[in-house]
N, C-alpha and C. Protein backbone atom coordinates (compact mmCIF):
# COMPACT_ATOMS: atom_id res chain seq x y z
N MET A 1 8.51 6.49 -2.41
CA MET A 1 7.71 6.25 -1.23
C MET A 1 6.37 5.64 -1.68
N ARG A 2 6.00 4.56 -1.05
CA ARG A 2 4.72 3.89 -1.34
C ARG A 2 3.67 4.38 -0.35
N ILE A 3 2.64 5.05 -0.88
CA ILE A 3 1.57 5.60 -0.06
C ILE A 3 0.26 4.95 -0.49
N ALA A 4 -0.48 4.46 0.49
CA ALA A 4 -1.79 3.87 0.22
C ALA A 4 -2.84 4.57 1.06
N THR A 5 -4.08 4.50 0.61
CA THR A 5 -5.19 5.09 1.36
C THR A 5 -6.35 4.11 1.37
N TRP A 6 -7.12 4.11 2.48
CA TRP A 6 -8.19 3.14 2.65
C TRP A 6 -9.29 3.77 3.50
N ASN A 7 -10.48 3.87 2.94
CA ASN A 7 -11.65 4.27 3.74
C ASN A 7 -12.08 3.01 4.48
N ILE A 8 -11.67 2.93 5.71
CA ILE A 8 -11.77 1.70 6.49
C ILE A 8 -13.18 1.46 7.05
N ASN A 9 -13.97 2.53 7.25
CA ASN A 9 -15.34 2.41 7.75
C ASN A 9 -15.40 1.53 9.01
N SER A 10 -14.61 1.90 10.00
CA SER A 10 -14.50 1.27 11.32
C SER A 10 -13.20 0.47 11.42
N VAL A 11 -12.20 1.10 11.98
CA VAL A 11 -10.88 0.47 12.10
C VAL A 11 -10.91 -0.74 13.04
N ARG A 12 -11.69 -0.68 14.09
CA ARG A 12 -11.73 -1.82 15.01
C ARG A 12 -12.38 -3.03 14.36
N ARG A 13 -13.41 -2.82 13.57
CA ARG A 13 -14.10 -3.93 12.90
C ARG A 13 -13.19 -4.60 11.87
N ARG A 14 -12.32 -3.83 11.23
CA ARG A 14 -11.48 -4.35 10.15
C ARG A 14 -9.99 -4.47 10.52
N LEU A 15 -9.71 -4.40 11.80
CA LEU A 15 -8.32 -4.43 12.26
C LEU A 15 -7.54 -5.63 11.74
N PRO A 16 -8.04 -6.87 11.82
CA PRO A 16 -7.26 -8.00 11.29
C PRO A 16 -6.97 -7.86 9.79
N LEU A 17 -7.92 -7.33 9.03
CA LEU A 17 -7.70 -7.13 7.59
C LEU A 17 -6.58 -6.13 7.34
N VAL A 18 -6.57 -5.04 8.10
CA VAL A 18 -5.56 -4.01 7.90
C VAL A 18 -4.18 -4.53 8.28
N VAL A 19 -4.08 -5.21 9.41
CA VAL A 19 -2.79 -5.73 9.86
C VAL A 19 -2.25 -6.75 8.85
N ASP A 20 -3.11 -7.63 8.35
CA ASP A 20 -2.69 -8.59 7.33
C ASP A 20 -2.26 -7.88 6.05
N TRP A 21 -3.00 -6.85 5.64
CA TRP A 21 -2.67 -6.12 4.42
C TRP A 21 -1.32 -5.42 4.57
N LEU A 22 -1.08 -4.82 5.74
CA LEU A 22 0.21 -4.17 5.99
C LEU A 22 1.36 -5.17 5.87
N ALA A 23 1.19 -6.35 6.45
CA ALA A 23 2.24 -7.37 6.40
C ALA A 23 2.51 -7.82 4.97
N ALA A 24 1.46 -7.93 4.17
CA ALA A 24 1.61 -8.41 2.80
C ALA A 24 2.15 -7.35 1.85
N ASN A 25 1.81 -6.07 2.09
CA ASN A 25 2.14 -5.02 1.13
C ASN A 25 3.21 -4.04 1.58
N LYS A 26 3.40 -3.89 2.88
CA LYS A 26 4.45 -3.05 3.46
C LYS A 26 4.56 -1.64 2.85
N PRO A 27 3.47 -0.88 2.84
CA PRO A 27 3.58 0.49 2.34
C PRO A 27 4.40 1.34 3.32
N ASP A 28 4.98 2.40 2.82
CA ASP A 28 5.69 3.34 3.70
C ASP A 28 4.70 4.14 4.53
N VAL A 29 3.54 4.43 3.92
CA VAL A 29 2.49 5.22 4.57
C VAL A 29 1.14 4.61 4.23
N LEU A 30 0.27 4.50 5.23
CA LEU A 30 -1.11 4.11 4.99
C LEU A 30 -2.00 5.15 5.67
N CYS A 31 -2.87 5.78 4.87
CA CYS A 31 -3.84 6.75 5.38
C CYS A 31 -5.18 6.05 5.50
N LEU A 32 -5.76 6.11 6.69
CA LEU A 32 -7.08 5.53 6.93
C LEU A 32 -8.08 6.64 7.16
N GLN A 33 -9.28 6.48 6.60
CA GLN A 33 -10.35 7.44 6.81
C GLN A 33 -11.57 6.71 7.37
N GLU A 34 -12.41 7.48 8.04
CA GLU A 34 -13.65 6.99 8.64
C GLU A 34 -13.34 5.87 9.64
N THR A 35 -12.42 6.17 10.55
CA THR A 35 -12.01 5.18 11.55
C THR A 35 -13.11 4.90 12.57
N LYS A 36 -13.98 5.87 12.82
CA LYS A 36 -15.15 5.70 13.69
C LYS A 36 -14.81 5.21 15.09
N VAL A 37 -13.79 5.81 15.70
CA VAL A 37 -13.41 5.40 17.05
C VAL A 37 -12.82 6.60 17.78
N SER A 38 -13.14 6.70 19.07
CA SER A 38 -12.56 7.78 19.87
C SER A 38 -11.07 7.53 20.07
N ASP A 39 -10.33 8.58 20.34
CA ASP A 39 -8.88 8.45 20.50
C ASP A 39 -8.51 7.44 21.58
N GLY A 40 -9.25 7.41 22.68
CA GLY A 40 -8.95 6.50 23.78
C GLY A 40 -9.15 5.04 23.44
N GLU A 41 -9.94 4.76 22.40
CA GLU A 41 -10.22 3.38 21.99
C GLU A 41 -9.48 2.97 20.72
N PHE A 42 -8.69 3.88 20.14
CA PHE A 42 -8.00 3.57 18.88
C PHE A 42 -6.98 2.45 19.11
N PRO A 43 -6.94 1.44 18.24
CA PRO A 43 -6.05 0.29 18.43
C PRO A 43 -4.60 0.55 17.99
N ALA A 44 -3.99 1.58 18.56
CA ALA A 44 -2.63 1.98 18.17
C ALA A 44 -1.61 0.87 18.40
N ALA A 45 -1.76 0.12 19.47
CA ALA A 45 -0.77 -0.92 19.80
C ALA A 45 -0.66 -1.96 18.69
N ALA A 46 -1.76 -2.31 18.07
CA ALA A 46 -1.72 -3.31 16.99
C ALA A 46 -0.88 -2.81 15.82
N PHE A 47 -0.97 -1.52 15.52
CA PHE A 47 -0.19 -0.96 14.42
C PHE A 47 1.27 -0.80 14.80
N ARG A 48 1.53 -0.44 16.04
CA ARG A 48 2.92 -0.36 16.50
C ARG A 48 3.57 -1.74 16.46
N ASP A 49 2.81 -2.76 16.88
CA ASP A 49 3.33 -4.14 16.83
C ASP A 49 3.62 -4.57 15.39
N ALA A 50 2.92 -3.99 14.43
CA ALA A 50 3.14 -4.31 13.01
C ALA A 50 4.30 -3.50 12.42
N GLY A 51 4.91 -2.62 13.25
CA GLY A 51 6.08 -1.88 12.80
C GLY A 51 5.79 -0.48 12.29
N TYR A 52 4.65 0.10 12.67
CA TYR A 52 4.27 1.42 12.18
C TYR A 52 4.12 2.42 13.32
N HIS A 53 4.48 3.66 13.01
CA HIS A 53 4.14 4.79 13.87
C HIS A 53 2.72 5.18 13.48
N VAL A 54 1.96 5.69 14.41
CA VAL A 54 0.57 6.01 14.10
C VAL A 54 0.18 7.36 14.69
N ALA A 55 -0.45 8.19 13.86
CA ALA A 55 -1.04 9.46 14.29
C ALA A 55 -2.52 9.34 13.96
N PHE A 56 -3.38 9.76 14.88
CA PHE A 56 -4.81 9.58 14.66
C PHE A 56 -5.61 10.63 15.42
N ARG A 57 -6.82 10.82 14.96
CA ARG A 57 -7.79 11.66 15.65
C ARG A 57 -9.15 11.13 15.25
N GLY A 58 -10.04 10.94 16.21
CA GLY A 58 -11.35 10.40 15.88
C GLY A 58 -12.40 10.68 16.93
N MET A 59 -13.58 10.14 16.64
CA MET A 59 -14.70 10.26 17.56
C MET A 59 -15.55 9.00 17.40
N LYS A 60 -16.31 8.70 18.42
CA LYS A 60 -17.12 7.49 18.42
C LYS A 60 -18.19 7.55 17.32
N GLY A 61 -18.19 6.53 16.46
CA GLY A 61 -19.26 6.35 15.50
C GLY A 61 -19.20 7.14 14.21
N TYR A 62 -18.35 8.17 14.13
CA TYR A 62 -18.32 9.02 12.94
C TYR A 62 -16.89 9.45 12.63
N ASN A 63 -16.66 9.82 11.38
CA ASN A 63 -15.42 10.50 10.98
C ASN A 63 -14.17 9.74 11.41
N GLY A 64 -13.10 10.45 11.62
CA GLY A 64 -11.84 9.89 12.08
C GLY A 64 -10.85 9.61 10.96
N VAL A 65 -9.59 9.99 11.21
CA VAL A 65 -8.49 9.73 10.28
C VAL A 65 -7.29 9.21 11.07
N ALA A 66 -6.49 8.40 10.40
CA ALA A 66 -5.25 7.89 10.99
C ALA A 66 -4.22 7.75 9.88
N THR A 67 -2.98 8.07 10.19
CA THR A 67 -1.89 7.89 9.24
C THR A 67 -0.83 7.02 9.89
N LEU A 68 -0.53 5.90 9.23
CA LEU A 68 0.47 4.95 9.70
C LEU A 68 1.73 5.13 8.87
N THR A 69 2.88 5.22 9.52
CA THR A 69 4.14 5.45 8.79
C THR A 69 5.22 4.50 9.30
N ARG A 70 6.05 4.02 8.38
CA ARG A 70 7.14 3.13 8.77
C ARG A 70 8.25 3.90 9.49
N HIS A 71 8.40 5.19 9.19
CA HIS A 71 9.40 6.02 9.84
C HIS A 71 8.72 7.04 10.74
N GLN A 72 9.42 7.47 11.77
CA GLN A 72 8.91 8.49 12.68
C GLN A 72 8.59 9.76 11.90
N PRO A 73 7.38 10.28 12.01
CA PRO A 73 7.06 11.53 11.31
C PRO A 73 7.89 12.70 11.83
N GLU A 74 8.22 13.62 10.94
CA GLU A 74 8.91 14.85 11.34
C GLU A 74 7.97 15.75 12.12
N SER A 75 6.70 15.77 11.72
CA SER A 75 5.70 16.56 12.42
C SER A 75 4.31 16.02 12.07
N VAL A 76 3.35 16.34 12.94
CA VAL A 76 1.96 15.96 12.75
C VAL A 76 1.10 17.16 13.13
N PHE A 77 0.12 17.49 12.27
CA PHE A 77 -0.80 18.59 12.51
C PHE A 77 -2.22 18.05 12.41
N TYR A 78 -3.07 18.47 13.35
CA TYR A 78 -4.46 18.03 13.38
C TYR A 78 -5.38 19.19 13.04
N GLY A 79 -6.36 18.97 12.17
CA GLY A 79 -7.34 19.99 11.86
C GLY A 79 -6.77 21.13 11.05
N PHE A 80 -7.53 22.23 11.05
CA PHE A 80 -7.14 23.40 10.28
C PHE A 80 -6.05 24.23 10.94
N CYS A 81 -5.96 24.18 12.26
CA CYS A 81 -5.04 25.07 12.95
C CYS A 81 -4.60 24.44 14.27
N ALA A 82 -3.64 25.04 14.91
CA ALA A 82 -3.16 24.54 16.19
C ALA A 82 -4.28 24.64 17.23
N GLY A 83 -4.33 23.67 18.11
CA GLY A 83 -5.35 23.67 19.16
C GLY A 83 -6.63 23.00 18.70
N PRO A 84 -7.64 22.96 19.58
CA PRO A 84 -8.92 22.33 19.22
C PRO A 84 -9.53 22.99 17.98
N ASP A 85 -10.15 22.18 17.16
CA ASP A 85 -10.67 22.63 15.88
C ASP A 85 -11.87 21.77 15.54
N SER A 86 -12.90 22.35 14.95
CA SER A 86 -14.10 21.58 14.62
C SER A 86 -13.85 20.52 13.56
N GLU A 87 -12.79 20.64 12.80
CA GLU A 87 -12.48 19.67 11.74
C GLU A 87 -11.34 18.74 12.12
N ASP A 88 -10.88 18.77 13.36
CA ASP A 88 -9.66 18.02 13.67
C ASP A 88 -9.84 16.51 13.67
N VAL A 89 -11.05 16.00 13.54
CA VAL A 89 -11.23 14.55 13.41
C VAL A 89 -11.34 14.14 11.95
N ARG A 90 -11.17 15.09 11.03
CA ARG A 90 -11.28 14.76 9.61
C ARG A 90 -10.07 15.18 8.78
N ILE A 91 -9.11 15.85 9.37
CA ILE A 91 -7.93 16.30 8.63
C ILE A 91 -6.69 16.08 9.48
N LEU A 92 -5.70 15.43 8.90
CA LEU A 92 -4.46 15.11 9.59
C LEU A 92 -3.32 15.24 8.60
N GLU A 93 -2.33 16.07 8.94
CA GLU A 93 -1.15 16.23 8.08
C GLU A 93 0.04 15.61 8.79
N THR A 94 0.71 14.71 8.11
CA THR A 94 1.90 14.05 8.63
C THR A 94 3.04 14.31 7.66
N VAL A 95 4.17 14.78 8.17
CA VAL A 95 5.31 15.09 7.30
C VAL A 95 6.33 13.95 7.42
N ILE A 96 6.65 13.34 6.28
CA ILE A 96 7.63 12.25 6.20
C ILE A 96 8.65 12.62 5.13
N ASP A 97 9.92 12.61 5.48
CA ASP A 97 10.99 12.94 4.53
C ASP A 97 10.72 14.27 3.82
N GLY A 98 10.20 15.24 4.56
CA GLY A 98 9.93 16.56 3.99
C GLY A 98 8.65 16.67 3.18
N LEU A 99 7.93 15.56 3.00
CA LEU A 99 6.70 15.56 2.21
C LEU A 99 5.48 15.61 3.12
N PRO A 100 4.69 16.70 3.06
CA PRO A 100 3.45 16.74 3.83
C PRO A 100 2.42 15.79 3.21
N ILE A 101 1.90 14.88 3.99
CA ILE A 101 0.87 13.95 3.55
C ILE A 101 -0.41 14.38 4.25
N VAL A 102 -1.37 14.88 3.48
CA VAL A 102 -2.61 15.41 4.04
C VAL A 102 -3.69 14.36 3.88
N ASN A 103 -4.11 13.81 5.01
CA ASN A 103 -5.11 12.75 5.05
C ASN A 103 -6.44 13.40 5.44
N THR A 104 -7.44 13.34 4.55
CA THR A 104 -8.72 13.98 4.82
C THR A 104 -9.86 12.98 4.71
N TYR A 105 -10.88 13.21 5.51
CA TYR A 105 -12.13 12.48 5.35
C TYR A 105 -13.22 13.52 5.17
N VAL A 106 -13.84 13.52 4.00
CA VAL A 106 -14.94 14.42 3.69
C VAL A 106 -16.12 13.54 3.33
N PRO A 107 -17.18 13.55 4.14
CA PRO A 107 -18.32 12.68 3.84
C PRO A 107 -18.87 12.94 2.45
N GLN A 108 -19.21 11.85 1.77
CA GLN A 108 -19.78 11.98 0.43
C GLN A 108 -21.27 12.26 0.52
N GLY A 109 -21.86 12.49 -0.62
CA GLY A 109 -23.29 12.72 -0.67
C GLY A 109 -23.67 14.19 -0.71
N TYR A 110 -22.69 15.07 -0.72
CA TYR A 110 -22.96 16.49 -0.81
C TYR A 110 -22.54 16.98 -2.19
N LYS A 111 -23.25 17.94 -2.69
CA LYS A 111 -22.92 18.51 -4.00
C LYS A 111 -21.56 19.19 -3.92
N THR A 112 -20.71 18.96 -4.93
CA THR A 112 -19.39 19.59 -4.95
C THR A 112 -19.54 21.10 -5.09
N GLY A 113 -18.56 21.81 -4.55
CA GLY A 113 -18.55 23.25 -4.64
C GLY A 113 -19.38 23.94 -3.56
N THR A 114 -20.02 23.16 -2.70
CA THR A 114 -20.80 23.75 -1.61
C THR A 114 -19.91 23.91 -0.39
N ASP A 115 -20.42 24.64 0.60
CA ASP A 115 -19.65 24.82 1.83
C ASP A 115 -19.33 23.49 2.49
N LYS A 116 -20.24 22.53 2.41
CA LYS A 116 -20.02 21.23 3.04
C LYS A 116 -18.80 20.52 2.46
N THR A 117 -18.54 20.64 1.18
CA THR A 117 -17.46 19.88 0.55
C THR A 117 -16.18 20.67 0.36
N SER A 118 -16.28 21.92 0.01
CA SER A 118 -15.07 22.66 -0.31
C SER A 118 -14.42 23.31 0.90
N SER A 119 -15.15 23.50 1.98
CA SER A 119 -14.58 24.21 3.13
C SER A 119 -13.45 23.43 3.77
N SER A 120 -13.52 22.11 3.80
CA SER A 120 -12.47 21.33 4.44
C SER A 120 -11.12 21.54 3.75
N TRP A 121 -11.07 21.33 2.45
CA TRP A 121 -9.79 21.46 1.76
C TRP A 121 -9.37 22.92 1.65
N ASN A 122 -10.29 23.80 1.28
CA ASN A 122 -9.94 25.22 1.15
C ASN A 122 -9.52 25.79 2.50
N GLY A 123 -10.23 25.44 3.54
CA GLY A 123 -9.87 25.92 4.87
C GLY A 123 -8.53 25.41 5.31
N PHE A 124 -8.27 24.15 5.05
CA PHE A 124 -6.98 23.59 5.45
C PHE A 124 -5.83 24.27 4.72
N THR A 125 -5.97 24.43 3.42
CA THR A 125 -4.88 25.04 2.67
C THR A 125 -4.64 26.48 3.11
N ALA A 126 -5.71 27.20 3.43
CA ALA A 126 -5.55 28.59 3.89
C ALA A 126 -4.83 28.63 5.23
N TYR A 127 -5.25 27.80 6.17
CA TYR A 127 -4.62 27.80 7.49
C TYR A 127 -3.18 27.30 7.43
N ALA A 128 -2.95 26.29 6.61
CA ALA A 128 -1.62 25.68 6.55
C ALA A 128 -0.67 26.44 5.63
N GLY A 129 -1.19 27.36 4.83
CA GLY A 129 -0.34 28.11 3.92
C GLY A 129 0.13 27.28 2.74
N ILE A 130 -0.64 26.26 2.36
CA ILE A 130 -0.28 25.41 1.24
C ILE A 130 -0.76 26.08 -0.04
N SER A 131 0.10 26.13 -1.03
CA SER A 131 -0.29 26.70 -2.32
C SER A 131 -0.19 25.62 -3.38
N ALA A 132 -0.67 25.94 -4.56
CA ALA A 132 -0.63 24.99 -5.67
C ALA A 132 0.80 24.63 -6.04
N ARG A 133 1.78 25.44 -5.67
CA ARG A 133 3.18 25.17 -6.01
C ARG A 133 3.83 24.19 -5.04
N ASP A 134 3.24 23.99 -3.86
CA ASP A 134 3.86 23.16 -2.85
C ASP A 134 3.73 21.68 -3.18
N SER A 135 4.74 20.90 -2.81
CA SER A 135 4.69 19.45 -2.98
C SER A 135 3.99 18.85 -1.77
N ILE A 136 2.83 18.26 -2.01
CA ILE A 136 2.11 17.57 -0.94
C ILE A 136 1.51 16.31 -1.52
N GLN A 137 1.17 15.39 -0.66
CA GLN A 137 0.41 14.22 -1.06
C GLN A 137 -0.88 14.27 -0.25
N ARG A 138 -2.01 14.29 -0.92
CA ARG A 138 -3.30 14.35 -0.26
C ARG A 138 -3.97 13.01 -0.38
N CYS A 139 -4.38 12.44 0.74
CA CYS A 139 -5.05 11.14 0.76
C CYS A 139 -6.49 11.34 1.16
N ARG A 140 -7.38 10.83 0.34
CA ARG A 140 -8.79 10.83 0.69
C ARG A 140 -9.45 9.71 -0.08
N PRO A 141 -10.56 9.19 0.43
CA PRO A 141 -11.25 8.13 -0.31
C PRO A 141 -11.83 8.68 -1.60
N PHE A 142 -11.87 7.85 -2.63
CA PHE A 142 -12.38 8.30 -3.93
C PHE A 142 -13.86 8.65 -3.87
N GLY A 143 -14.61 8.15 -2.90
CA GLY A 143 -16.03 8.46 -2.80
C GLY A 143 -16.31 9.85 -2.28
N SER A 144 -15.29 10.55 -1.83
CA SER A 144 -15.49 11.89 -1.27
C SER A 144 -15.79 12.89 -2.36
N ALA A 145 -16.55 13.89 -2.00
CA ALA A 145 -16.90 14.94 -2.95
C ALA A 145 -16.10 16.19 -2.63
N ILE A 146 -15.17 16.54 -3.48
CA ILE A 146 -14.44 17.81 -3.37
C ILE A 146 -14.11 18.26 -4.76
């Protein structure tokens, strides 16, 4: 499975670049971070037209994650837990072929090991019941501090 990740820093501003990249590279999964768009304004149709299923959660101007998959996901989970969650615009788990793909956006610029950086991943793993033994793929931009 070919999985790619991209801190897009505004999906609407870079939409033509992403669509062209998808056509040229055809990954099975593309995880986008920092989409910076509310759910009602997310350009899902453009990705569907490119042949991808899309799961997303975002807010205007900040944060936001989206996972594009060539195959229909088995399941999608938003945030740390079922229902509304304060982190649900920064964590998205999509299961493809039995593999949980955890797409996270953690803003950089915070010291590692602090509540600001470690709570997202630690909280998610606790709520989701993920252990070090589980097979998962975690996507996040390299600039993130965790």
